[in-house]
Amino acid sequence: EAVFRKVQDIERLAPVNNNIAKILREQGKLADALPAARRSVEYYSLVNEPVELINALDGLGETCISLEDWTAAAEAYQAALNHIDEVDNAAWQASKRAEIETILRDIERQADGKFAI
């Protein structure tokens, strides 16, 4: 990839990588899904689309859970929580916050408390 990309290119690359990661996850190709999920998060962090960034972090977290990388999964979901207040929709914020907090508790239980959230 080019070192420099126009904003329009990044805005196109973010959802493409997110969709690639989702398809690869669904196909069980988790190791291949991980880089695409990470790129999606990277690209969405460069544009002002907090809902999409949170969804991309959710996808990254889901990929990490499937790989049983509990620490990386918790980090992705915690990062998503950190962006919730950027969304201008209180109902969505509350729903997504509750969903992510439930996932974080599940991760902690699954990881047998090997890390603190």
C-alpha atoms as a PDB file:
ATOM      1  CA  GLU A   1       0.000   0.000   0.000  1.00  0.00           C
ATOM      2  CA  ALA A   2       1.070   3.514  -0.629  1.00  0.00           C
ATOM      3  CA  VAL A   3       2.502   5.453   2.289  1.00  0.00           C
ATOM      4  CA  PHE A   4       0.128   8.349   1.645  1.00  0.00           C
ATOM      5  CA  ARG A   5      -3.541   7.971   0.774  1.00  0.00           C
ATOM      6  CA  LYS A   6      -6.150  10.594   0.121  1.00  0.00           C
ATOM      7  CA  VAL A   7      -8.969  10.811   2.665  1.00  0.00           C
ATOM      8  CA  GLN A   8     -11.394   9.497   0.045  1.00  0.00           C
ATOM      9  CA  ASP A   9      -9.249   6.397  -0.423  1.00  0.00           C
ATOM     10  CA  ILE A  10      -9.140   5.751   3.313  1.00  0.00           C
ATOM     11  CA  GLU A  11     -12.907   6.204   3.542  1.00  0.00           C
ATOM     12  CA  ARG A  12     -13.278   3.494   0.885  1.00  0.00           C
ATOM     13  CA  LEU A  13     -10.626   1.178   2.303  1.00  0.00           C
ATOM     14  CA  ALA A  14     -12.076   1.100   5.813  1.00  0.00           C
ATOM     15  CA  PRO A  15     -15.376  -0.645   4.945  1.00  0.00           C
ATOM     16  CA  VAL A  16     -13.693  -2.865   2.346  1.00  0.00           C
ATOM     17  CA  ASN A  17     -11.260  -4.187   4.953  1.00  0.00           C
ATOM     18  CA  ASN A  18     -14.068  -4.521   7.484  1.00  0.00           C
ATOM     19  CA  ASN A  19     -16.097  -6.612   5.016  1.00  0.00           C
ATOM     20  CA  ILE A  20     -13.081  -8.737   4.082  1.00  0.00           C
ATOM     21  CA  ALA A  21     -12.442  -9.446   7.766  1.00  0.00           C
ATOM     22  CA  LYS A  22     -16.083 -10.378   8.311  1.00  0.00           C
ATOM     23  CA  ILE A  23     -16.148 -12.759   5.329  1.00  0.00           C
ATOM     24  CA  LEU A  24     -12.883 -14.397   6.363  1.00  0.00           C
ATOM     25  CA  ARG A  25     -14.185 -14.800   9.947  1.00  0.00           C
ATOM     26  CA  GLU A  26     -17.349 -16.426   8.618  1.00  0.00           C
ATOM     27  CA  GLN A  27     -15.213 -18.790   6.531  1.00  0.00           C
ATOM     28  CA  GLY A  28     -13.193 -19.713   9.604  1.00  0.00           C
ATOM     29  CA  LYS A  29     -10.036 -18.120   8.184  1.00  0.00           C
ATOM     30  CA  LEU A  30      -9.263 -16.297  11.400  1.00  0.00           C
ATOM     31  CA  ALA A  31      -5.548 -15.748  10.870  1.00  0.00           C
ATOM     32  CA  ASP A  32      -6.355 -14.103   7.539  1.00  0.00           C
ATOM     33  CA  ALA A  33      -9.187 -12.055   9.036  1.00  0.00           C
ATOM     34  CA  LEU A  34      -7.008 -10.489  11.715  1.00  0.00           C
ATOM     35  CA  PRO A  35      -4.878  -8.198   9.491  1.00  0.00           C
ATOM     36  CA  ALA A  36      -7.954  -6.981   7.592  1.00  0.00           C
ATOM     37  CA  ALA A  37      -9.756  -6.268  10.867  1.00  0.00           C
ATOM     38  CA  ARG A  38      -6.745  -4.339  12.154  1.00  0.00           C
ATOM     39  CA  ARG A  39      -6.509  -2.320   8.921  1.00  0.00           C
ATOM     40  CA  SER A  40     -10.198  -1.498   9.139  1.00  0.00           C
ATOM     41  CA  VAL A  41      -9.724  -0.136  12.663  1.00  0.00           C
ATOM     42  CA  GLU A  42      -6.656   1.798  11.534  1.00  0.00           C
ATOM     43  CA  TYR A  43      -8.507   3.373   8.602  1.00  0.00           C
ATOM     44  CA  TYR A  44     -11.661   4.186  10.571  1.00  0.00           C
ATOM     45  CA  SER A  45      -9.520   5.865  13.226  1.00  0.00           C
ATOM     46  CA  LEU A  46      -8.347   8.302  10.534  1.00  0.00           C
ATOM     47  CA  VAL A  47     -11.829   9.443   9.514  1.00  0.00           C
ATOM     48  CA  ASN A  48     -14.592  10.915  11.644  1.00  0.00           C
ATOM     49  CA  GLU A  49     -16.984   7.963  11.761  1.00  0.00           C
ATOM     50  CA  PRO A  50     -17.175   6.858  15.415  1.00  0.00           C
ATOM     51  CA  VAL A  51     -20.000   4.346  14.895  1.00  0.00           C
ATOM     52  CA  GLU A  52     -18.035   2.619  12.153  1.00  0.00           C
ATOM     53  CA  LEU A  53     -14.852   2.698  14.236  1.00  0.00           C
ATOM     54  CA  ILE A  54     -16.710   1.097  17.143  1.00  0.00           C
ATOM     55  CA  ASN A  55     -18.153  -1.546  14.807  1.00  0.00           C
ATOM     56  CA  ALA A  56     -14.689  -2.219  13.375  1.00  0.00           C
ATOM     57  CA  LEU A  57     -13.272  -2.580  16.900  1.00  0.00           C
ATOM     58  CA  ASP A  58     -16.160  -4.947  17.648  1.00  0.00           C
ATOM     59  CA  GLY A  59     -15.177  -7.029  14.615  1.00  0.00           C
ATOM     60  CA  LEU A  60     -11.537  -7.017  15.684  1.00  0.00           C
ATOM     61  CA  GLY A  61     -12.583  -8.115  19.157  1.00  0.00           C
ATOM     62  CA  GLU A  62     -14.728 -10.890  17.716  1.00  0.00           C
ATOM     63  CA  THR A  63     -11.790 -12.099  15.628  1.00  0.00           C
ATOM     64  CA  CYS A  64      -9.490 -12.068  18.672  1.00  0.00           C
ATOM     65  CA  ILE A  65     -12.064 -13.992  20.717  1.00  0.00           C
ATOM     66  CA  SER A  66     -12.243 -16.634  17.996  1.00  0.00           C
ATOM     67  CA  LEU A  67      -8.444 -16.862  18.117  1.00  0.00           C
ATOM     68  CA  GLU A  68      -8.647 -17.088  21.934  1.00  0.00           C
ATOM     69  CA  ASP A  69      -6.465 -14.016  22.250  1.00  0.00           C
ATOM     70  CA  TRP A  70      -8.318 -12.728  25.290  1.00  0.00           C
ATOM     71  CA  THR A  71      -6.024  -9.781  25.985  1.00  0.00           C
ATOM     72  CA  ALA A  72      -6.249  -8.414  22.431  1.00  0.00           C
ATOM     73  CA  ALA A  73     -10.017  -8.968  22.439  1.00  0.00           C
ATOM     74  CA  ALA A  74     -10.415  -7.070  25.706  1.00  0.00           C
ATOM     75  CA  GLU A  75      -8.220  -4.259  24.374  1.00  0.00           C
ATOM     76  CA  ALA A  76     -10.345  -3.953  21.221  1.00  0.00           C
ATOM     77  CA  TYR A  77     -13.603  -3.850  23.171  1.00  0.00           C
ATOM     78  CA  GLN A  78     -12.175  -1.407  25.715  1.00  0.00           C
ATOM     79  CA  ALA A  79     -11.081   0.843  22.850  1.00  0.00           C
ATOM     80  CA  ALA A  80     -14.620   0.638  21.462  1.00  0.00           C
ATOM     81  CA  LEU A  81     -15.985   1.713  24.850  1.00  0.00           C
ATOM     82  CA  ASN A  82     -13.592   4.654  24.833  1.00  0.00           C
ATOM     83  CA  HIS A  83     -15.259   5.967  21.658  1.00  0.00           C
ATOM     84  CA  ILE A  84     -18.915   5.462  22.680  1.00  0.00           C
ATOM     85  CA  ASP A  85     -19.367   9.043  23.891  1.00  0.00           C
ATOM     86  CA  GLU A  86     -18.375  10.339  20.434  1.00  0.00           C
ATOM     87  CA  VAL A  87     -21.670   9.020  19.045  1.00  0.00           C
ATOM     88  CA  ASP A  88     -24.536  11.498  19.099  1.00  0.00           C
ATOM     89  CA  ASN A  89     -27.259   8.984  19.938  1.00  0.00           C
ATOM     90  CA  ALA A  90     -27.934   8.282  23.617  1.00  0.00           C
ATOM     91  CA  ALA A  91     -30.052   5.181  22.985  1.00  0.00           C
ATOM     92  CA  TRP A  92     -27.392   3.647  20.741  1.00  0.00           C
ATOM     93  CA  GLN A  93     -24.684   4.547  23.264  1.00  0.00           C
ATOM     94  CA  ALA A  94     -26.549   2.813  26.088  1.00  0.00           C
ATOM     95  CA  SER A  95     -27.297  -0.290  24.043  1.00  0.00           C
ATOM     96  CA  LYS A  96     -23.775  -0.650  22.645  1.00  0.00           C
ATOM     97  CA  ARG A  97     -22.164   0.087  26.026  1.00  0.00           C
ATOM     98  CA  ALA A  98     -24.255  -2.662  27.671  1.00  0.00           C
ATOM     99  CA  GLU A  99     -23.416  -5.090  24.859  1.00  0.00           C
ATOM    100  CA  ILE A 100     -19.686  -4.420  25.078  1.00  0.00           C
ATOM    101  CA  GLU A 101     -19.614  -4.558  28.878  1.00  0.00           C
ATOM    102  CA  THR A 102     -21.301  -7.971  28.713  1.00  0.00           C
ATOM    103  CA  ILE A 103     -18.719  -9.163  26.191  1.00  0.00           C
ATOM    104  CA  LEU A 104     -15.883  -7.884  28.401  1.00  0.00           C
ATOM    105  CA  ARG A 105     -17.277  -9.807  31.382  1.00  0.00           C
ATOM    106  CA  ASP A 106     -17.535 -12.933  29.218  1.00  0.00           C
ATOM    107  CA  ILE A 107     -13.943 -12.487  28.044  1.00  0.00           C
ATOM    108  CA  GLU A 108     -12.740 -12.129  31.614  1.00  0.00           C
ATOM    109  CA  ARG A 109     -14.536 -15.328  32.630  1.00  0.00           C
ATOM    110  CA  GLN A 110     -13.237 -17.184  29.571  1.00  0.00           C
ATOM    111  CA  ALA A 111      -9.681 -16.084  30.217  1.00  0.00           C
ATOM    112  CA  ASP A 112      -9.922 -17.345  33.802  1.00  0.00           C
ATOM    113  CA  GLY A 113      -8.954 -13.954  35.154  1.00  0.00           C
ATOM    114  CA  LYS A 114      -5.519 -13.988  33.521  1.00  0.00           C
ATOM    115  CA  PHE A 115      -5.773 -10.231  33.094  1.00  0.00           C
ATOM    116  CA  ALA A 116      -7.700  -7.412  34.683  1.00  0.00           C
ATOM    117  CA  ILE A 117     -10.146  -5.344  32.707  1.00  0.00           C
END
